Amino acid sequence: MTGNATNLRGPDRPWLLDRARHWQRPTAALLFDVPLAIVQAQNAGRARVVPSDVVSEFHALLPTVDQLRDEGWDTVHLASTIIRTGR
């Protein structure tokens, strides 16, 4: 597994599933389904701007809900569908 905490690369995710199975724990994936234009705009406002082509490359690596389910994730959540409650 690489140091990529976002686990965008498909080959990095099976390790997480294996660990969960080892400990007999359910798995859940959270997919941040943010449109590329919004990601690029947020990136432009950062103190340390990531090159646009790198942002595009990583965005293209985002799996789909179906891909994550096919990999074996028990639950897949889309960030855009989560409702914030409380404070």
Protein backbone atom coordinates (compact mmCIF):
# COMPACT_ATOMS: atom_id res chain seq x y z
CA MET A 1 0.00 0.00 0.00
CA THR A 2 1.26 3.43 -0.87
CA GLY A 3 1.14 6.57 1.21
CA ASN A 4 -1.96 7.67 -0.71
CA ALA A 5 -4.50 8.16 2.08
CA THR A 6 -7.29 8.76 -0.42
CA ASN A 7 -6.87 5.26 -1.87
CA LEU A 8 -7.72 6.41 -5.38
CA ARG A 9 -5.59 3.69 -6.90
CA GLY A 10 -7.57 0.48 -7.18
CA PRO A 11 -4.60 -1.76 -6.32
CA ASP A 12 -4.32 -0.03 -2.92
CA ARG A 13 -7.85 -0.81 -1.77
CA PRO A 14 -7.76 -4.65 -1.50
CA TRP A 15 -5.35 -4.33 1.42
CA LEU A 16 -8.00 -2.39 3.34
CA LEU A 17 -10.64 -5.00 2.56
CA ASP A 18 -8.27 -7.80 3.61
CA ARG A 19 -7.58 -6.09 6.93
CA ALA A 20 -11.30 -5.68 7.61
CA ARG A 21 -11.95 -9.33 6.77
CA HIS A 22 -9.07 -10.42 8.98
CA TRP A 23 -10.64 -8.60 11.91
CA GLN A 24 -14.17 -9.61 10.84
CA ARG A 25 -15.30 -6.01 10.47
CA PRO A 26 -17.73 -4.55 7.93
CA THR A 27 -16.37 -2.25 5.26
CA ALA A 28 -17.64 1.13 4.14
CA ALA A 29 -16.33 3.37 1.37
CA LEU A 30 -17.05 7.08 1.15
CA LEU A 31 -16.85 8.41 -2.38
CA PHE A 32 -16.37 12.17 -2.63
CA ASP A 33 -18.24 12.74 -5.87
CA VAL A 34 -17.23 16.37 -6.38
CA PRO A 35 -17.27 17.66 -9.97
CA LEU A 36 -13.83 18.39 -11.42
CA ALA A 37 -14.66 22.09 -11.95
CA ILE A 38 -15.35 22.53 -8.23
CA VAL A 39 -12.20 20.65 -7.27
CA GLN A 40 -10.14 22.82 -9.64
CA ALA A 41 -11.70 26.01 -8.22
CA GLN A 42 -11.00 24.93 -4.63
CA ASN A 43 -7.46 23.99 -5.59
CA ALA A 44 -6.88 27.43 -7.12
CA GLY A 45 -7.67 29.01 -3.73
CA ARG A 46 -5.15 26.93 -1.78
CA ALA A 47 -1.91 28.30 -0.41
CA ARG A 48 -0.07 25.43 -2.14
CA VAL A 49 -1.78 24.95 -5.51
CA VAL A 50 -1.47 21.50 -7.03
CA PRO A 51 -0.83 21.57 -10.80
CA SER A 52 -4.12 21.37 -12.69
CA ASP A 53 -3.06 18.34 -14.71
CA VAL A 54 -2.31 16.43 -11.49
CA VAL A 55 -5.72 17.30 -10.06
CA SER A 56 -7.36 16.14 -13.30
CA GLU A 57 -5.36 12.91 -13.28
CA PHE A 58 -6.34 12.07 -9.71
CA HIS A 59 -9.97 13.03 -10.34
CA ALA A 60 -10.03 10.60 -13.28
CA LEU A 61 -8.97 7.81 -10.90
CA LEU A 62 -12.17 8.13 -8.85
CA PRO A 63 -13.99 4.80 -8.91
CA THR A 64 -17.72 4.53 -9.42
CA VAL A 65 -20.13 3.18 -6.82
CA ASP A 66 -20.48 0.01 -8.90
CA GLN A 67 -16.70 -0.43 -9.08
CA LEU A 68 -16.40 -0.16 -5.31
CA ARG A 69 -19.24 -2.63 -4.78
CA ASP A 70 -17.62 -5.03 -7.27
CA GLU A 71 -14.39 -4.78 -5.27
CA GLY A 72 -16.26 -6.10 -2.24
CA TRP A 73 -17.12 -3.05 -0.12
CA ASP A 74 -20.14 -3.79 2.09
CA THR A 75 -21.44 -0.24 1.96
CA VAL A 76 -20.65 2.63 -0.40
CA HIS A 77 -21.74 6.18 0.45
CA LEU A 78 -21.72 9.14 -1.89
CA ALA A 79 -20.67 12.31 -0.07
CA SER A 80 -23.18 14.30 -2.11
CA THR A 81 -26.06 12.34 -0.60
CA ILE A 82 -25.07 12.67 3.04
CA ILE A 83 -27.26 15.09 4.94
CA ARG A 84 -25.61 17.10 7.67
CA THR A 85 -27.64 17.35 10.83
CA GLY A 86 -27.05 19.14 14.10
CA ARG A 87 -24.75 22.08 14.58
